């Protein structure tokens, strides 16, 4: 149960990396946990981290995945975040 292949252990390591403000390690660990055991919660967390890193395309993909959640609150957060990272201002022509 305390294996480095256990997605729950990998997720905890990711949260520890977040506490240390090590976003790259957090992304790597959350990605590994997500690949082993996908969940809307992990997708939302990855979306937030990619958004922090200004990688909006990756963030948008994870927010869309998270928006498939059956949990309404999580789904709403994901959709709102998707709107933010997908926003492109209209170019006005004169």
N, C-alpha and C. Protein backbone atom coordinates (compact mmCIF):
# COMPACT_ATOMS: atom_id res chain seq x y z
N UNK A 1 0.82 -1.20 0.00
CA UNK A 1 0.00 0.00 0.00
C UNK A 1 0.87 1.26 0.00
N UNK A 2 2.07 1.21 0.56
CA UNK A 2 2.98 2.36 0.56
C UNK A 2 3.96 2.28 -0.61
N UNK A 3 3.44 1.98 -1.78
CA UNK A 3 4.24 1.88 -2.98
C UNK A 3 4.23 3.21 -3.72
N UNK A 4 5.34 3.50 -4.39
CA UNK A 4 5.39 4.74 -5.17
C UNK A 4 4.50 4.64 -6.40
N UNK A 5 3.96 3.44 -6.68
CA UNK A 5 3.01 3.26 -7.79
C UNK A 5 1.58 3.53 -7.33
N UNK A 6 1.38 3.71 -6.04
CA UNK A 6 0.05 3.93 -5.50
C UNK A 6 -0.36 5.38 -5.80
N UNK A 7 -1.46 5.58 -6.58
CA UNK A 7 -1.86 6.94 -6.95
C UNK A 7 -2.15 7.84 -5.74
N UNK A 8 -2.60 7.28 -4.64
CA UNK A 8 -2.87 8.11 -3.46
C UNK A 8 -1.57 8.64 -2.85
N UNK A 9 -0.53 7.82 -2.86
CA UNK A 9 0.79 8.26 -2.36
C UNK A 9 1.35 9.34 -3.28
N UNK A 10 1.23 9.11 -4.58
CA UNK A 10 1.73 10.08 -5.56
C UNK A 10 1.00 11.42 -5.39
N UNK A 11 -0.32 11.34 -5.15
CA UNK A 11 -1.10 12.55 -4.95
C UNK A 11 -0.64 13.29 -3.69
N UNK A 12 -0.37 12.57 -2.62
CA UNK A 12 0.11 13.22 -1.39
C UNK A 12 1.47 13.88 -1.60
N UNK A 13 2.34 13.23 -2.37
CA UNK A 13 3.64 13.83 -2.70
C UNK A 13 3.42 15.13 -3.48
N UNK A 14 2.42 15.12 -4.38
CA UNK A 14 2.11 16.32 -5.15
C UNK A 14 1.66 17.46 -4.23
N UNK A 15 0.82 17.14 -3.24
CA UNK A 15 0.37 18.19 -2.31
C UNK A 15 1.54 18.72 -1.47
N UNK A 16 2.47 17.84 -1.12
CA UNK A 16 3.67 18.30 -0.40
C UNK A 16 4.49 19.25 -1.28
N UNK A 17 4.59 18.90 -2.56
CA UNK A 17 5.31 19.77 -3.50
C UNK A 17 4.62 21.13 -3.60
N UNK A 18 3.29 21.14 -3.60
CA UNK A 18 2.55 22.40 -3.62
C UNK A 18 2.87 23.26 -2.40
N UNK A 19 2.94 22.62 -1.25
CA UNK A 19 3.27 23.36 -0.03
C UNK A 19 4.65 24.00 -0.12
N UNK A 20 5.56 23.34 -0.84
CA UNK A 20 6.91 23.87 -1.03
C UNK A 20 6.98 24.83 -2.22
N UNK A 21 5.82 25.07 -2.85
CA UNK A 21 5.73 25.94 -4.03
C UNK A 21 6.56 25.40 -5.19
N UNK A 22 6.65 24.08 -5.27
CA UNK A 22 7.36 23.41 -6.36
C UNK A 22 6.32 22.92 -7.37
N UNK A 23 5.86 23.86 -8.21
CA UNK A 23 4.78 23.54 -9.15
C UNK A 23 5.15 22.47 -10.16
N UNK A 24 6.40 22.45 -10.61
CA UNK A 24 6.81 21.45 -11.60
C UNK A 24 6.70 20.04 -11.05
N UNK A 25 7.18 19.84 -9.83
CA UNK A 25 7.06 18.52 -9.20
C UNK A 25 5.60 18.19 -8.94
N UNK A 26 4.83 19.17 -8.51
CA UNK A 26 3.40 18.95 -8.26
C UNK A 26 2.69 18.52 -9.54
N UNK A 27 2.98 19.20 -10.65
CA UNK A 27 2.37 18.82 -11.93
C UNK A 27 2.75 17.40 -12.31
N UNK A 28 4.02 17.08 -12.17
CA UNK A 28 4.49 15.73 -12.51
C UNK A 28 3.77 14.68 -11.68
N UNK A 29 3.69 14.90 -10.38
CA UNK A 29 3.06 13.92 -9.49
C UNK A 29 1.55 13.84 -9.70
N UNK A 30 0.89 14.99 -9.83
CA UNK A 30 -0.55 14.97 -10.10
C UNK A 30 -0.84 14.28 -11.44
N UNK A 31 0.00 14.53 -12.43
CA UNK A 31 -0.17 13.88 -13.74
C UNK A 31 -0.03 12.37 -13.62
N UNK A 32 0.98 11.93 -12.88
CA UNK A 32 1.17 10.49 -12.68
C UNK A 32 -0.03 9.88 -11.95
N UNK A 33 -0.50 10.56 -10.91
CA UNK A 33 -1.66 10.06 -10.18
C UNK A 33 -2.89 10.03 -11.08
N UNK A 34 -3.06 11.07 -11.89
CA UNK A 34 -4.20 11.14 -12.81
C UNK A 34 -4.14 10.02 -13.85
N UNK A 35 -2.95 9.75 -14.36
CA UNK A 35 -2.79 8.68 -15.35
C UNK A 35 -3.09 7.31 -14.76
N UNK A 36 -2.76 7.13 -13.49
CA UNK A 36 -3.02 5.85 -12.82
C UNK A 36 -4.49 5.71 -12.41
N UNK A 37 -5.08 6.81 -11.97
CA UNK A 37 -6.45 6.77 -11.46
C UNK A 37 -7.12 8.13 -11.73
N UNK A 38 -7.62 8.32 -12.97
CA UNK A 38 -8.20 9.62 -13.33
C UNK A 38 -9.37 10.01 -12.43
N UNK A 39 -9.43 11.29 -12.10
CA UNK A 39 -10.55 11.82 -11.33
C UNK A 39 -10.74 13.29 -11.68
N UNK A 40 -11.96 13.76 -11.51
CA UNK A 40 -12.25 15.17 -11.78
C UNK A 40 -11.47 16.08 -10.83
N UNK A 41 -11.31 15.64 -9.60
CA UNK A 41 -10.57 16.44 -8.61
C UNK A 41 -9.11 16.65 -9.04
N UNK A 42 -8.48 15.58 -9.52
CA UNK A 42 -7.10 15.70 -9.99
C UNK A 42 -7.03 16.55 -11.25
N UNK A 43 -8.01 16.38 -12.14
CA UNK A 43 -8.04 17.18 -13.37
C UNK A 43 -8.15 18.67 -13.03
N UNK A 44 -9.00 19.00 -12.06
CA UNK A 44 -9.15 20.40 -11.65
C UNK A 44 -7.84 20.94 -11.08
N UNK A 45 -7.19 20.15 -10.24
CA UNK A 45 -5.92 20.58 -9.65
C UNK A 45 -4.87 20.81 -10.73
N UNK A 46 -4.80 19.91 -11.70
CA UNK A 46 -3.85 20.08 -12.80
C UNK A 46 -4.19 21.31 -13.63
N UNK A 47 -5.47 21.55 -13.84
CA UNK A 47 -5.87 22.76 -14.56
C UNK A 47 -5.38 24.01 -13.86
N UNK A 48 -5.57 24.06 -12.54
CA UNK A 48 -5.11 25.22 -11.77
C UNK A 48 -3.59 25.40 -11.89
N UNK A 49 -2.87 24.30 -11.78
CA UNK A 49 -1.40 24.40 -11.84
C UNK A 49 -0.92 24.84 -13.22
N UNK A 50 -1.52 24.29 -14.27
CA UNK A 50 -1.13 24.72 -15.61
C UNK A 50 -1.50 26.19 -15.84
N UNK A 51 -2.63 26.62 -15.29
CA UNK A 51 -3.01 28.03 -15.41
C UNK A 51 -1.98 28.92 -14.71
N UNK A 52 -1.53 28.50 -13.53
CA UNK A 52 -0.49 29.26 -12.81
C UNK A 52 0.79 29.37 -13.63
N UNK A 53 1.08 28.32 -14.38
CA UNK A 53 2.29 28.31 -15.21
C UNK A 53 2.06 28.99 -16.57
N UNK A 54 0.87 29.58 -16.75
CA UNK A 54 0.51 30.26 -18.01
C UNK A 54 0.47 29.31 -19.21
N UNK A 55 0.15 28.05 -18.94
CA UNK A 55 -0.01 27.05 -20.00
C UNK A 55 -1.51 26.82 -20.17
N UNK A 56 -2.14 27.82 -20.80
CA UNK A 56 -3.60 27.85 -20.85
C UNK A 56 -4.22 26.72 -21.66
N UNK A 57 -3.55 26.25 -22.72
CA UNK A 57 -4.12 25.15 -23.49
C UNK A 57 -4.21 23.88 -22.65
N UNK A 58 -3.13 23.58 -21.92
CA UNK A 58 -3.14 22.41 -21.05
C UNK A 58 -4.17 22.59 -19.93
N UNK A 59 -4.21 23.80 -19.36
CA UNK A 59 -5.17 24.08 -18.29
C UNK A 59 -6.59 23.88 -18.79
N UNK A 60 -6.90 24.40 -19.97
CA UNK A 60 -8.25 24.27 -20.53
C UNK A 60 -8.63 22.80 -20.71
N UNK A 61 -7.69 21.99 -21.17
CA UNK A 61 -7.98 20.56 -21.36
C UNK A 61 -8.36 19.89 -20.05
N UNK A 62 -7.61 20.18 -19.00
CA UNK A 62 -7.92 19.57 -17.70
C UNK A 62 -9.20 20.14 -17.10
N UNK A 63 -9.45 21.43 -17.31
CA UNK A 63 -10.70 21.99 -16.80
C UNK A 63 -11.91 21.35 -17.50
N UNK A 64 -11.77 21.09 -18.80
CA UNK A 64 -12.86 20.40 -19.51
C UNK A 64 -13.09 19.00 -18.96
N UNK A 65 -12.00 18.30 -18.69
CA UNK A 65 -12.14 16.96 -18.09
C UNK A 65 -12.83 17.05 -16.73
N UNK A 66 -12.43 18.02 -15.93
CA UNK A 66 -13.02 18.18 -14.60
C UNK A 66 -14.50 18.56 -14.69
N UNK A 67 -14.87 19.24 -15.76
CA UNK A 67 -16.26 19.68 -15.90
C UNK A 67 -17.22 18.50 -16.12
N UNK A 68 -16.69 17.33 -16.37
CA UNK A 68 -17.51 16.13 -16.54
C UNK A 68 -17.89 15.51 -15.20
N UNK A 69 -17.44 16.11 -14.13
CA UNK A 69 -17.71 15.59 -12.79
C UNK A 69 -19.20 15.55 -12.49
N UNK A 70 -19.58 14.59 -11.67
CA UNK A 70 -20.97 14.52 -11.20
C UNK A 70 -21.19 15.45 -10.01
N UNK A 71 -20.11 15.95 -9.41
CA UNK A 71 -20.21 16.89 -8.29
C UNK A 71 -20.43 18.30 -8.86
N UNK A 72 -21.57 18.89 -8.54
CA UNK A 72 -21.93 20.18 -9.13
C UNK A 72 -20.93 21.28 -8.80
N UNK A 73 -20.48 21.37 -7.57
CA UNK A 73 -19.55 22.43 -7.18
C UNK A 73 -18.24 22.32 -7.95
N UNK A 74 -17.73 21.12 -8.06
CA UNK A 74 -16.48 20.90 -8.79
C UNK A 74 -16.68 21.23 -10.27
N UNK A 75 -17.81 20.80 -10.83
CA UNK A 75 -18.12 21.07 -12.23
C UNK A 75 -18.19 22.57 -12.48
N UNK A 76 -18.83 23.32 -11.58
CA UNK A 76 -18.94 24.77 -11.75
C UNK A 76 -17.58 25.46 -11.68
N UNK A 77 -16.74 25.02 -10.75
CA UNK A 77 -15.38 25.59 -10.67
C UNK A 77 -14.62 25.33 -11.96
N UNK A 78 -14.74 24.12 -12.47
CA UNK A 78 -14.03 23.75 -13.69
C UNK A 78 -14.50 24.58 -14.88
N UNK A 79 -15.81 24.75 -15.01
CA UNK A 79 -16.34 25.52 -16.15
C UNK A 79 -15.96 26.99 -16.06
N UNK A 80 -16.01 27.55 -14.85
CA UNK A 80 -15.62 28.95 -14.68
C UNK A 80 -14.14 29.13 -15.00
N UNK A 81 -13.32 28.21 -14.52
CA UNK A 81 -11.88 28.29 -14.79
C UNK A 81 -11.60 28.10 -16.28
N UNK A 82 -12.35 27.20 -16.92
CA UNK A 82 -12.19 27.00 -18.37
C UNK A 82 -12.46 28.31 -19.12
N UNK A 83 -13.52 29.00 -18.73
CA UNK A 83 -13.85 30.28 -19.37
C UNK A 83 -12.70 31.27 -19.24
N UNK A 84 -12.09 31.31 -18.06
CA UNK A 84 -11.01 32.27 -17.81
C UNK A 84 -9.79 31.96 -18.67
N UNK A 85 -9.35 30.70 -18.71
CA UNK A 85 -8.13 30.38 -19.47
C UNK A 85 -8.38 30.36 -20.98
N UNK A 86 -9.64 30.25 -21.38
CA UNK A 86 -9.97 30.21 -22.82
C UNK A 86 -10.32 31.58 -23.37
N UNK A 87 -10.40 32.59 -22.50
CA UNK A 87 -10.82 33.93 -22.93
C UNK A 87 -9.78 34.54 -23.85
N UNK A 88 -10.25 35.00 -24.98
CA UNK A 88 -9.40 35.79 -25.87
C UNK A 88 -10.15 37.07 -26.20
N UNK A 89 -9.57 38.19 -25.92
CA UNK A 89 -10.27 39.45 -26.17
C UNK A 89 -10.53 39.64 -27.66
N UNK A 90 -11.67 40.21 -27.95
CA UNK A 90 -12.02 40.48 -29.35
C UNK A 90 -11.14 41.59 -29.88
N UNK A 91 -10.71 41.41 -31.09
CA UNK A 91 -9.90 42.44 -31.75
C UNK A 91 -10.86 43.38 -32.47
N UNK A 92 -10.74 44.65 -32.17
CA UNK A 92 -11.62 45.62 -32.81
C UNK A 92 -10.92 46.21 -34.03
N UNK A 93 -11.66 46.21 -35.11
CA UNK A 93 -11.12 46.82 -36.34
C UNK A 93 -11.76 48.17 -36.55
N UNK A 94 -11.02 49.06 -37.15
CA UNK A 94 -11.56 50.41 -37.38
C UNK A 94 -11.66 50.73 -38.83
